[in-house]
Amino acid sequence: ATLLPAWGPVNAAAPKTEANEQRQKLEHLRDVNTQARNNASELRREMDELQAEAVDRGLLMTLDDTLFTTNAVELSIPGHRRDDAAAEFLERHPERNVAIDGYAGAGRYRYDQSLSTRRADAVRGYLIRRGIAPDRLTARGNIDSPQDDDDSAINQAWQRRVEVIIEDPSTSAPQPDVTAPGT
């Protein structure tokens, strides 16, 4: 009499099934990798369009003093273009919120503090008029600590800026809403 192994007959289809599963997994991983590369390329293109840089909280777009009318809160034509690019980006990425921080300079003048808050509010208002939901936007005015005693016009213009931080939802902590009531 012939003895059969205790574990039963060998299934010849099992190695083929495992190979097919491995091939499908590899194809899926290739697709995921291709999609990630495409997403990274698209984000780089969008960052160039925004003239933004990557920071730990997301994307930083700086609106310096030259993008506003002199000593006022109205955006210049180039300032409008930059904010239009931000609005278009936010329309494509509804999961992202924005922190708008106005900076006043060295804090020596009460006017600068008021100007920083009004400029941040102006950027927020512009984005709202472009259709971005108000609950996605926070705005506040800040006072920069003086980096040095450089009182040059260039340094003063840099200190009076608005930073638009388009937050990355995967890395940014919620920010308190410090928007003034009624804005």
Protein backbone atom coordinates (compact mmCIF):
# COMPACT_ATOMS: atom_id res chain seq x y z
CA ALA A 1 0.00 0.00 0.00
CA THR A 2 1.12 3.53 -0.82
CA LEU A 3 1.14 6.05 2.00
CA LEU A 4 -0.06 9.60 1.30
CA PRO A 5 1.47 12.51 3.19
CA ALA A 6 -0.45 13.49 6.30
CA TRP A 7 -1.06 17.08 5.11
CA GLY A 8 -3.02 16.10 1.99
CA PRO A 9 -2.63 16.88 -1.69
CA VAL A 10 -0.46 19.80 -2.86
CA ASN A 11 -2.34 22.75 -4.40
CA ALA A 12 -0.42 23.79 -7.53
CA ALA A 13 -2.50 26.97 -7.92
CA ALA A 14 -1.36 28.47 -4.58
CA PRO A 15 2.02 29.78 -5.86
CA LYS A 16 0.28 31.39 -8.87
CA THR A 17 -2.27 33.09 -6.61
CA GLU A 18 0.49 34.41 -4.31
CA ALA A 19 2.45 35.67 -7.30
CA ASN A 20 -0.63 37.45 -8.66
CA GLU A 21 -1.30 39.05 -5.27
CA GLN A 22 2.33 40.22 -5.03
CA ARG A 23 2.16 41.63 -8.58
CA GLN A 24 -1.07 43.50 -7.74
CA LYS A 25 0.49 44.91 -4.56
CA LEU A 26 3.56 46.10 -6.50
CA GLU A 27 1.37 47.70 -9.17
CA HIS A 28 -0.65 49.44 -6.48
CA LEU A 29 2.53 50.73 -4.79
CA ARG A 30 3.83 51.97 -8.16
CA ASP A 31 0.53 53.79 -8.72
CA VAL A 32 0.69 55.33 -5.24
CA ASN A 33 4.30 56.42 -5.82
CA THR A 34 3.42 57.92 -9.21
CA GLN A 35 0.48 59.78 -7.67
CA ALA A 36 2.70 61.10 -4.85
CA ARG A 37 5.26 62.37 -7.39
CA ASN A 38 2.50 64.03 -9.40
CA ASN A 39 1.07 65.64 -6.24
CA ALA A 40 4.53 66.92 -5.25
CA SER A 41 5.09 68.36 -8.73
CA GLU A 42 1.69 70.05 -8.65
CA LEU A 43 2.35 71.51 -5.20
CA ARG A 44 5.74 72.86 -6.37
CA ARG A 45 4.01 74.50 -9.36
CA GLU A 46 1.35 76.00 -7.07
CA MET A 47 4.03 77.26 -4.66
CA ASP A 48 5.80 78.97 -7.55
CA GLU A 49 2.51 80.53 -8.61
CA LEU A 50 1.91 81.77 -5.06
CA GLN A 51 5.53 82.85 -4.63
CA ALA A 52 5.38 80.89 -1.39
CA GLU A 53 7.86 78.85 0.57
CA ALA A 54 7.33 75.71 2.62
CA VAL A 55 7.41 76.18 6.40
CA ASP A 56 6.58 73.83 9.27
CA ARG A 57 2.92 74.94 9.36
CA GLY A 58 2.32 74.87 5.61
CA LEU A 59 3.01 77.45 2.90
CA LEU A 60 4.21 80.96 3.67
CA MET A 61 3.33 83.80 1.32
CA THR A 62 4.80 87.15 2.34
CA LEU A 63 3.16 90.39 1.26
CA ASP A 64 5.71 93.08 1.90
CA ASP A 65 5.10 96.80 2.25
CA THR A 66 5.45 97.34 -1.52
CA LEU A 67 2.28 95.31 -2.19
CA PHE A 68 0.15 97.87 -0.35
CA THR A 69 -0.45 101.49 -1.17
CA THR A 70 1.90 103.71 0.81
CA ASN A 71 0.95 103.90 4.50
CA ALA A 72 -2.47 102.43 3.73
CA VAL A 73 -4.30 99.10 3.77
CA GLU A 74 -5.33 98.97 0.10
CA LEU A 75 -3.51 96.37 -1.96
CA SER A 76 -1.60 97.48 -5.03
CA ILE A 77 -2.21 95.73 -8.37
CA PRO A 78 0.64 93.23 -7.71
CA GLY A 79 -0.83 92.68 -4.23
CA HIS A 80 -4.22 91.85 -5.75
CA ARG A 81 -2.55 89.36 -8.11
CA ARG A 82 -0.85 87.61 -5.18
CA ASP A 83 -4.10 87.43 -3.21
CA ASP A 84 -5.94 86.19 -6.31
CA ALA A 85 -3.41 83.35 -6.59
CA ALA A 86 -3.98 82.54 -2.90
CA ALA A 87 -7.77 82.53 -3.38
CA GLU A 88 -7.48 80.19 -6.38
CA PHE A 89 -5.22 77.86 -4.39
CA LEU A 90 -7.68 77.84 -1.48
CA GLU A 91 -10.58 77.08 -3.83
CA ARG A 92 -8.67 73.99 -5.02
CA HIS A 93 -7.74 73.00 -1.44
CA PRO A 94 -10.81 73.46 0.78
CA GLU A 95 -9.17 71.43 3.57
CA ARG A 96 -6.63 74.21 4.21
CA ASN A 97 -7.11 77.13 6.57
CA VAL A 98 -5.19 80.39 6.57
CA ALA A 99 -3.53 82.42 9.32
CA ILE A 100 -2.94 86.03 8.24
CA ASP A 101 -0.39 87.83 10.38
CA GLY A 102 0.28 91.53 9.94
CA TYR A 103 3.58 92.86 11.27
CA ALA A 104 4.13 96.39 12.47
CA GLY A 105 7.85 96.82 12.68
CA ALA A 106 9.74 97.44 15.84
CA GLY A 107 6.67 98.51 17.78
CA ARG A 108 7.88 102.03 18.37
CA TYR A 109 4.79 103.57 16.82
CA ARG A 110 1.16 102.94 17.66
CA TYR A 111 0.33 103.75 14.03
CA ASP A 112 2.38 100.75 12.85
CA GLN A 113 0.50 98.40 15.20
CA SER A 114 -2.82 99.68 13.88
CA LEU A 115 -1.58 99.44 10.29
CA SER A 116 -0.48 95.80 10.76
CA THR A 117 -3.91 94.81 12.08
CA ARG A 118 -5.79 96.72 9.37
CA ARG A 119 -3.64 95.19 6.62
CA ALA A 120 -4.16 91.65 7.93
CA ASP A 121 -7.91 92.35 8.10
CA ALA A 122 -7.81 93.78 4.55
CA VAL A 123 -6.22 90.59 3.19
CA ARG A 124 -8.78 88.49 5.07
CA GLY A 125 -11.63 90.64 3.72
CA TYR A 126 -10.30 90.35 0.17
CA LEU A 127 -10.18 86.55 0.40
CA ILE A 128 -13.73 86.49 1.80
CA ARG A 129 -14.93 88.64 -1.12
CA ARG A 130 -13.26 86.10 -3.43
CA GLY A 131 -15.49 83.39 -1.91
CA ILE A 132 -13.26 81.86 0.78
CA ALA A 133 -15.30 80.94 3.87
CA PRO A 134 -14.63 83.30 6.80
CA ASP A 135 -14.24 80.38 9.23
CA ARG A 136 -11.14 79.26 7.28
CA LEU A 137 -9.39 82.60 7.84
CA THR A 138 -7.90 84.21 10.93
CA ALA A 139 -6.20 87.60 10.99
CA ARG A 140 -4.20 89.42 13.61
CA GLY A 141 -1.72 92.22 13.98
CA ASN A 142 1.68 91.69 15.58
CA ILE A 143 4.67 93.73 16.55
CA ASP A 144 8.05 92.53 15.40
CA SER A 145 10.90 92.66 17.81
CA PRO A 146 13.62 94.75 16.26
CA GLN A 147 16.19 92.50 14.57
CA ASP A 148 18.74 95.27 14.81
CA ASP A 149 18.88 99.01 15.01
CA ASP A 150 18.64 99.32 11.23
CA ASP A 151 16.23 102.21 10.67
CA SER A 152 16.70 102.18 6.90
CA ALA A 153 13.67 102.51 4.65
CA ILE A 154 14.26 98.99 3.30
CA ASN A 155 14.29 97.45 6.78
CA GLN A 156 11.24 99.44 7.87
CA ALA A 157 9.36 98.34 4.74
CA TRP A 158 10.25 94.69 5.47
CA GLN A 159 9.09 95.00 9.06
CA ARG A 160 5.71 96.21 7.80
CA ARG A 161 4.51 93.06 6.06
CA VAL A 162 1.67 90.57 6.05
CA GLU A 163 2.41 86.86 6.22
CA VAL A 164 -0.23 84.55 4.79
CA ILE A 165 0.27 81.04 6.15
CA ILE A 166 -1.72 78.47 4.21
CA GLU A 167 -1.80 75.76 6.80
CA ASP A 168 -1.10 72.11 6.11
CA PRO A 169 -3.92 70.25 7.88
CA SER A 170 -1.63 67.31 8.65
CA THR A 171 1.00 69.35 10.51
CA SER A 172 -0.58 72.51 11.88
CA ALA A 173 -2.14 72.88 15.28
CA PRO A 174 -5.44 74.77 15.46
CA GLN A 175 -4.92 78.49 15.94
CA PRO A 176 -7.23 80.54 18.12
CA ASP A 177 -9.58 82.87 16.25
CA VAL A 178 -8.35 86.33 17.12
CA THR A 179 -10.36 88.12 14.47
CA ALA A 180 -12.08 91.18 15.78
CA PRO A 181 -15.87 90.82 16.07
CA GLY A 182 -17.76 92.04 13.03
CA THR A 183 -14.90 91.53 10.56
